[in-house]
N, C-alpha and C. Protein backbone atom coordinates (compact mmCIF):
# COMPACT_ATOMS: atom_id res chain seq x y z
N GLN A 1 -15.54 -2.14 12.70
CA GLN A 1 -15.38 -2.21 11.24
C GLN A 1 -15.11 -1.28 10.52
N VAL A 2 -13.64 -1.64 9.56
CA VAL A 2 -12.95 -0.72 8.79
C VAL A 2 -13.11 -0.85 7.29
N GLN A 3 -13.31 0.28 6.62
CA GLN A 3 -13.83 -0.04 5.02
C GLN A 3 -12.44 0.68 4.58
N LEU A 4 -11.71 0.25 3.88
CA LEU A 4 -11.02 0.89 3.48
C LEU A 4 -10.90 0.64 1.97
N VAL A 5 -10.57 1.86 0.95
CA VAL A 5 -11.24 2.16 -0.46
C VAL A 5 -10.42 2.30 -1.27
N GLU A 6 -9.15 1.95 -2.52
CA GLU A 6 -8.59 2.20 -2.90
C GLU A 6 -8.71 2.88 -4.11
N SER A 7 -8.30 3.60 -4.75
CA SER A 7 -8.53 4.39 -6.22
C SER A 7 -7.08 5.38 -6.39
N GLY A 8 -6.91 5.15 -7.81
CA GLY A 8 -6.18 6.11 -8.14
C GLY A 8 -4.88 4.90 -9.98
N GLY A 9 -5.82 3.75 -9.31
CA GLY A 9 -5.02 3.03 -10.29
C GLY A 9 -5.02 3.53 -12.11
N GLY A 10 -4.98 2.66 -13.03
CA GLY A 10 -5.17 2.90 -14.03
C GLY A 10 -4.03 1.66 -15.40
N LEU A 11 -4.11 2.44 -16.63
CA LEU A 11 -2.99 2.48 -17.27
C LEU A 11 -1.58 3.16 -17.78
N VAL A 12 -0.10 2.87 -17.43
CA VAL A 12 0.27 3.82 -17.98
C VAL A 12 1.44 3.10 -18.93
N GLN A 13 2.25 4.31 -19.46
CA GLN A 13 3.29 3.34 -19.83
C GLN A 13 4.42 3.25 -19.00
N ALA A 14 5.29 2.37 -19.58
CA ALA A 14 6.76 1.80 -18.64
C ALA A 14 7.64 3.57 -18.88
N GLY A 15 7.73 3.79 -17.11
CA GLY A 15 8.68 5.14 -17.06
C GLY A 15 7.76 6.13 -16.73
N GLY A 16 6.16 6.24 -16.74
CA GLY A 16 5.33 7.28 -15.93
C GLY A 16 5.18 6.99 -14.86
N SER A 17 4.04 7.90 -13.72
CA SER A 17 3.87 7.90 -12.58
C SER A 17 2.36 7.77 -12.15
N LEU A 18 2.22 6.99 -11.06
CA LEU A 18 0.90 6.95 -10.37
C LEU A 18 0.82 7.14 -9.43
N ARG A 19 -0.29 8.08 -8.50
CA ARG A 19 -0.12 7.90 -7.31
C ARG A 19 -1.03 7.64 -7.14
N LEU A 20 -1.41 6.35 -6.19
CA LEU A 20 -3.01 5.66 -5.72
C LEU A 20 -3.20 5.89 -4.21
N SER A 21 -4.36 6.04 -3.61
CA SER A 21 -4.75 6.15 -3.12
C SER A 21 -5.98 5.18 -2.08
N CYS A 22 -5.48 5.37 -0.31
CA CYS A 22 -6.95 4.99 0.23
C CYS A 22 -6.56 5.14 1.37
N ALA A 23 -8.62 5.67 1.41
CA ALA A 23 -9.25 6.25 2.48
C ALA A 23 -10.02 5.56 3.30
N ALA A 24 -9.57 5.17 4.27
CA ALA A 24 -10.68 4.37 5.24
C ALA A 24 -11.67 5.15 6.14
N SER A 25 -12.60 4.35 6.50
CA SER A 25 -13.84 4.92 6.78
C SER A 25 -14.72 4.16 8.25
N GLY A 26 -14.98 4.69 8.64
CA GLY A 26 -15.30 3.44 10.20
C GLY A 26 -14.83 3.46 11.11
N ARG A 27 -14.20 2.41 11.81
CA ARG A 27 -13.76 2.51 13.08
C ARG A 27 -12.22 3.00 12.98
N THR A 28 -12.47 4.44 12.29
CA THR A 28 -10.54 4.78 12.37
C THR A 28 -10.04 4.87 13.69
N PHE A 29 -10.33 4.90 14.42
CA PHE A 29 -9.56 4.49 15.67
C PHE A 29 -8.64 3.85 15.77
N ASP A 30 -9.27 2.39 15.36
CA ASP A 30 -8.63 1.17 15.00
C ASP A 30 -7.66 1.27 13.80
N ILE A 31 -7.01 2.12 12.97
CA ILE A 31 -6.93 2.09 12.32
C ILE A 31 -4.60 2.95 12.80
N TYR A 32 -4.17 1.78 12.85
CA TYR A 32 -2.81 2.32 12.52
C TYR A 32 -1.86 2.07 11.74
N HIS A 33 -0.65 0.95 11.74
CA HIS A 33 0.39 1.08 10.70
C HIS A 33 -0.77 0.54 9.47
N MET A 34 -0.20 0.95 7.73
CA MET A 34 -1.43 1.13 7.00
C MET A 34 -0.21 0.41 5.73
N GLY A 35 -0.59 -0.42 4.82
CA GLY A 35 0.33 -1.01 3.95
C GLY A 35 -0.20 -1.18 2.69
N TRP A 36 0.82 -1.44 1.75
CA TRP A 36 0.49 -1.58 -0.01
C TRP A 36 0.80 -2.94 0.10
N PHE A 37 0.15 -3.89 -0.57
CA PHE A 37 0.63 -5.16 -1.15
C PHE A 37 0.08 -5.51 -2.41
N ARG A 38 0.60 -6.14 -2.98
CA ARG A 38 0.19 -5.96 -4.46
C ARG A 38 -0.22 -7.93 -5.46
N GLN A 39 -0.70 -7.93 -5.94
CA GLN A 39 -0.81 -9.91 -6.52
C GLN A 39 -0.54 -9.24 -8.13
N ALA A 40 -0.12 -10.01 -9.08
CA ALA A 40 -0.26 -10.15 -10.37
C ALA A 40 -0.80 -11.42 -10.51
N PRO A 41 -1.41 -11.88 -11.28
CA PRO A 41 -1.58 -12.90 -11.45
C PRO A 41 -0.76 -14.06 -11.43
N GLY A 42 -1.42 -15.13 -11.43
CA GLY A 42 -0.24 -16.40 -11.16
C GLY A 42 0.80 -16.36 -10.31
N LYS A 43 0.80 -15.17 -9.35
CA LYS A 43 1.48 -15.06 -8.19
C LYS A 43 1.43 -14.69 -7.29
N GLU A 44 2.22 -15.21 -5.97
CA GLU A 44 1.37 -14.82 -4.52
C GLU A 44 1.70 -12.85 -4.26
N ARG A 45 0.98 -12.76 -3.38
CA ARG A 45 0.81 -11.73 -2.63
C ARG A 45 1.83 -11.19 -2.58
N GLU A 46 2.51 -9.78 -2.30
CA GLU A 46 4.32 -9.70 -2.10
C GLU A 46 3.64 -7.92 -1.50
N PHE A 47 4.74 -7.72 -0.41
CA PHE A 47 4.94 -6.30 -0.06
C PHE A 47 4.94 -5.87 -0.36
N VAL A 48 4.72 -4.61 -0.19
CA VAL A 48 5.28 -3.26 -1.47
C VAL A 48 5.50 -2.60 -0.34
N ALA A 49 4.82 -1.57 0.47
CA ALA A 49 5.50 -0.91 1.17
C ALA A 49 4.41 -0.82 2.37
N VAL A 50 5.18 0.13 3.78
CA VAL A 50 4.43 0.14 4.43
C VAL A 50 4.80 1.20 5.36
N ILE A 51 3.65 1.96 5.99
CA ILE A 51 4.59 3.38 7.36
C ILE A 51 3.55 3.60 8.02
N GLU A 52 4.62 3.57 9.64
CA GLU A 52 3.68 3.12 10.92
C GLU A 52 3.02 4.02 11.23
N TRP A 53 2.14 4.21 12.45
CA TRP A 53 1.32 5.16 12.64
C TRP A 53 2.05 6.47 12.55
N SER A 54 3.27 5.95 13.26
CA SER A 54 3.71 7.83 13.82
C SER A 54 4.40 8.43 12.47
N GLY A 55 4.11 7.69 11.53
CA GLY A 55 4.86 8.07 10.10
C GLY A 55 5.91 8.49 9.85
N ILE A 56 7.18 7.96 10.95
CA ILE A 56 8.47 8.46 11.58
C ILE A 56 9.18 7.48 10.01
N ASN A 57 8.59 6.04 10.30
CA ASN A 57 9.20 5.00 9.51
C ASN A 57 8.33 4.70 8.66
N ALA A 58 9.04 4.62 7.40
CA ALA A 58 8.60 3.46 6.17
C ALA A 58 9.58 2.70 6.18
N TYR A 59 9.40 1.46 5.14
CA TYR A 59 9.87 0.17 4.50
C TYR A 59 9.69 -0.14 3.17
N TYR A 60 9.99 -0.78 2.67
CA TYR A 60 9.51 -0.72 1.33
C TYR A 60 10.64 -1.92 0.48
N ALA A 61 9.82 -2.99 -0.05
CA ALA A 61 9.99 -3.88 -0.92
C ALA A 61 11.59 -3.53 -1.60
N ASP A 62 12.60 -4.40 -2.19
CA ASP A 62 13.32 -3.82 -2.40
C ASP A 62 13.19 -3.36 -3.95
N SER A 63 12.27 -5.06 -4.39
CA SER A 63 11.94 -4.72 -6.01
C SER A 63 11.25 -2.55 -6.11
N VAL A 64 11.32 -1.77 -5.38
CA VAL A 64 10.27 -0.80 -5.31
C VAL A 64 10.78 -0.15 -4.87
N LYS A 65 12.04 0.10 -4.22
CA LYS A 65 12.56 1.21 -3.30
C LYS A 65 13.59 1.81 -4.55
N GLY A 66 13.06 2.93 -4.05
CA GLY A 66 13.80 4.47 -4.69
C GLY A 66 12.96 4.94 -5.84
N ARG A 67 11.79 4.00 -6.09
CA ARG A 67 10.86 4.18 -7.18
C ARG A 67 9.53 4.73 -6.26
N PHE A 68 9.12 4.48 -5.64
CA PHE A 68 7.86 4.56 -5.01
C PHE A 68 8.27 4.86 -3.23
N THR A 69 7.25 6.05 -3.14
CA THR A 69 6.60 6.66 -1.89
C THR A 69 5.88 6.12 -1.19
N ILE A 70 5.51 5.68 0.35
CA ILE A 70 4.79 5.72 1.14
C ILE A 70 4.42 7.33 1.70
N SER A 71 2.72 7.52 1.90
CA SER A 71 2.80 9.37 2.91
C SER A 71 1.51 8.58 3.59
N ARG A 72 0.89 8.91 4.54
CA ARG A 72 -0.10 9.05 5.70
C ARG A 72 -0.60 10.34 5.43
N ASP A 73 -1.66 10.75 5.77
CA ASP A 73 -2.25 11.81 6.71
C ASP A 73 -3.52 11.21 7.22
N ASN A 74 -2.90 11.24 8.81
CA ASN A 74 -4.29 10.96 10.24
C ASN A 74 -5.08 11.20 10.11
N ALA A 75 -5.20 12.70 9.60
CA ALA A 75 -6.41 13.48 9.70
C ALA A 75 -7.44 13.04 8.78
N LYS A 76 -7.01 12.69 7.67
CA LYS A 76 -7.69 12.12 6.47
C LYS A 76 -7.76 10.57 6.34
N SER A 77 -7.22 9.66 7.56
CA SER A 77 -7.28 8.68 7.72
C SER A 77 -6.94 7.76 6.39
N THR A 78 -5.85 8.11 5.12
CA THR A 78 -5.81 7.92 4.43
C THR A 78 -4.03 7.84 3.92
N VAL A 79 -3.76 7.28 3.18
CA VAL A 79 -2.64 6.41 2.83
C VAL A 79 -2.15 6.77 1.52
N TYR A 80 -1.01 7.14 1.00
CA TYR A 80 -0.87 7.24 0.08
C TYR A 80 0.18 6.44 -0.79
N LEU A 81 -0.07 5.98 -2.46
CA LEU A 81 1.68 5.36 -2.93
C LEU A 81 1.55 5.75 -4.00
N GLN A 82 2.87 6.98 -3.59
CA GLN A 82 3.93 7.79 -5.12
C GLN A 82 4.40 6.70 -5.83
N MET A 83 3.84 6.39 -7.16
CA MET A 83 4.92 5.24 -8.15
C MET A 83 5.73 6.32 -9.55
N ASN A 84 6.63 5.86 -9.27
CA ASN A 84 7.36 6.68 -10.69
C ASN A 84 7.75 5.26 -11.14
N SER A 85 8.91 6.41 -12.55
CA SER A 85 9.09 5.09 -12.67
C SER A 85 8.85 4.00 -13.10
N LEU A 86 8.02 3.80 -13.45
CA LEU A 86 7.15 2.56 -13.15
C LEU A 86 7.48 1.19 -14.58
N LYS A 87 8.09 0.11 -13.97
CA LYS A 87 7.99 -1.49 -14.94
C LYS A 87 6.84 -1.72 -14.97
N PRO A 88 6.81 -2.60 -16.26
CA PRO A 88 6.17 -3.73 -16.42
C PRO A 88 5.75 -4.64 -15.44
N GLU A 89 7.03 -4.93 -14.99
CA GLU A 89 6.49 -6.26 -13.92
C GLU A 89 6.18 -5.24 -12.66
N ASP A 90 5.21 -4.09 -12.69
CA ASP A 90 4.97 -2.88 -11.91
C ASP A 90 3.64 -3.55 -11.66
N THR A 91 3.17 -4.12 -12.53
CA THR A 91 1.77 -4.61 -13.33
C THR A 91 0.84 -5.55 -12.17
N ALA A 92 -0.15 -5.45 -11.29
CA ALA A 92 -0.54 -6.42 -10.78
C ALA A 92 -1.90 -5.45 -9.57
N VAL A 93 -2.91 -5.68 -8.99
CA VAL A 93 -3.88 -5.08 -7.99
C VAL A 93 -2.80 -5.31 -6.61
N TYR A 94 -3.39 -3.89 -6.47
CA TYR A 94 -2.88 -2.86 -5.32
C TYR A 94 -3.65 -2.84 -4.37
N SER A 95 -3.35 -3.19 -3.20
CA SER A 95 -4.51 -3.36 -1.97
C SER A 95 -3.57 -2.91 -1.08
N CYS A 96 -4.78 -2.45 -0.50
CA CYS A 96 -3.82 -1.45 1.52
C CYS A 96 -4.47 -2.31 2.17
N ALA A 97 -3.88 -2.11 3.66
CA ALA A 97 -4.18 -2.52 4.46
C ALA A 97 -3.30 -2.01 5.72
N THR A 98 -4.44 -2.07 7.16
CA THR A 98 -3.97 -1.62 8.06
C THR A 98 -4.34 -2.57 9.19
N ASP A 99 -3.21 -2.19 10.18
CA ASP A 99 -2.71 -2.90 11.79
C ASP A 99 -3.50 -2.51 11.96
N SER A 100 -4.99 -3.33 13.15
CA SER A 100 -5.48 -2.77 14.15
C SER A 100 -4.69 -2.36 15.39
N GLU A 101 -3.48 -2.97 15.56
CA GLU A 101 -3.59 -3.11 16.77
C GLU A 101 -1.50 -2.03 16.78
N LYS A 102 -1.25 -1.32 17.27
CA LYS A 102 -0.47 -0.40 17.57
C LYS A 102 0.59 -0.96 18.30
N TYR A 103 1.10 -1.62 17.51
CA TYR A 103 1.97 -1.60 17.70
C TYR A 103 3.38 -2.24 16.56
N TYR A 104 4.82 -2.19 17.05
CA TYR A 104 5.50 -1.47 16.28
C TYR A 104 6.57 -2.60 15.83
N GLY A 105 6.27 -3.53 15.31
CA GLY A 105 6.82 -5.08 15.63
C GLY A 105 8.38 -4.99 14.72
N GLY A 106 8.74 -3.57 13.25
CA GLY A 106 9.78 -4.10 12.95
C GLY A 106 9.36 -4.42 11.51
N SER A 107 10.03 -4.54 10.88
CA SER A 107 10.26 -4.39 9.49
C SER A 107 9.88 -5.90 9.45
N TYR A 108 10.34 -6.92 9.37
CA TYR A 108 9.05 -8.57 9.40
C TYR A 108 8.11 -8.39 9.65
N TYR A 109 7.19 -8.00 10.30
CA TYR A 109 6.70 -7.81 11.36
C TYR A 109 5.77 -7.10 9.99
N TYR A 110 5.81 -5.82 9.34
CA TYR A 110 5.53 -5.34 8.71
C TYR A 110 5.45 -5.68 7.34
N ARG A 111 6.02 -6.92 6.90
CA ARG A 111 6.14 -7.29 5.72
C ARG A 111 5.51 -8.54 5.17
N GLN A 112 4.68 -8.98 6.92
CA GLN A 112 3.72 -10.13 6.70
C GLN A 112 1.73 -10.14 6.13
N ALA A 113 1.54 -10.60 5.93
CA ALA A 113 0.01 -10.06 5.19
C ALA A 113 -1.03 -10.38 6.60
N ALA A 114 -0.57 -11.11 7.52
CA ALA A 114 -0.88 -12.01 8.41
C ALA A 114 -0.76 -10.67 9.73
N THR A 115 0.34 -9.51 9.61
CA THR A 115 0.13 -8.84 10.61
C THR A 115 -1.71 -8.00 10.38
N TYR A 116 -2.66 -8.06 9.40
CA TYR A 116 -2.94 -6.63 8.97
C TYR A 116 -4.34 -7.22 9.38
N ASP A 117 -5.35 -6.97 9.16
CA ASP A 117 -6.47 -6.57 10.08
C ASP A 117 -7.60 -6.38 9.84
N TYR A 118 -7.33 -5.09 8.24
CA TYR A 118 -8.46 -5.08 7.16
C TYR A 118 -7.67 -4.40 5.86
N TRP A 119 -8.84 -5.23 5.03
CA TRP A 119 -8.39 -4.66 3.42
C TRP A 119 -8.85 -4.23 2.21
N GLY A 120 -8.68 -3.55 1.98
CA GLY A 120 -9.54 -2.67 0.73
C GLY A 120 -9.44 -3.89 -0.40
N GLN A 121 -10.49 -3.26 -1.37
CA GLN A 121 -10.66 -4.07 -2.75
C GLN A 121 -9.31 -4.17 -3.37
N GLY A 122 -8.63 -3.51 -3.22
CA GLY A 122 -7.75 -3.74 -4.39
C GLY A 122 -8.40 -2.45 -5.89
N THR A 123 -6.90 -2.53 -6.73
CA THR A 123 -6.91 -1.70 -7.31
C THR A 123 -5.89 -2.24 -8.54
N GLN A 124 -6.35 -2.10 -9.72
CA GLN A 124 -5.55 -2.72 -10.78
C GLN A 124 -4.69 -1.56 -11.15
N VAL A 125 -3.53 -2.08 -10.96
CA VAL A 125 -2.21 -1.37 -11.89
C VAL A 125 -1.60 -1.82 -13.03
N THR A 126 -1.94 -0.88 -14.72
CA THR A 126 -1.40 -2.17 -15.19
C THR A 126 -0.37 -0.66 -16.07
N VAL A 127 1.26 -1.54 -16.51
CA VAL A 127 2.19 -0.77 -17.10
C VAL A 127 2.64 -1.48 -18.28
N SER A 128 1.99 -0.60 -18.96
CA SER A 128 2.91 -1.33 -20.64
C SER A 128 4.17 -0.78 -21.23
N SER A 129 4.40 -1.29 -21.85
CA SER A 129 5.77 -1.57 -22.35
C SER A 129 6.08 -0.81 -23.54
């Protein structure tokens, strides 16, 4: 069993920044690729970013590319999401997730929620105009 706990969410004005963290515990040897998803009220959950186990490749949704940066510290079993130039449309509950299998499936594979086996409870990010 793997537990994921997000932190760092909050209220920020447009143009501001937040840094989200997601710490994993439990069977951390089952943690490989790690990603972030978000869901706004009335909308479906959408992919935000993912970083591979190796840390070499990262992929982003077009809506956040150039503004968000994902990184990880495998020694701490933690993934981060640095969010800059925030916009009101970024308002959502952000959840982290991890793939328990070290399979390098590629961009399309990583963007699918079904790829991931463990999920955090989510942290609220609210961006005011």
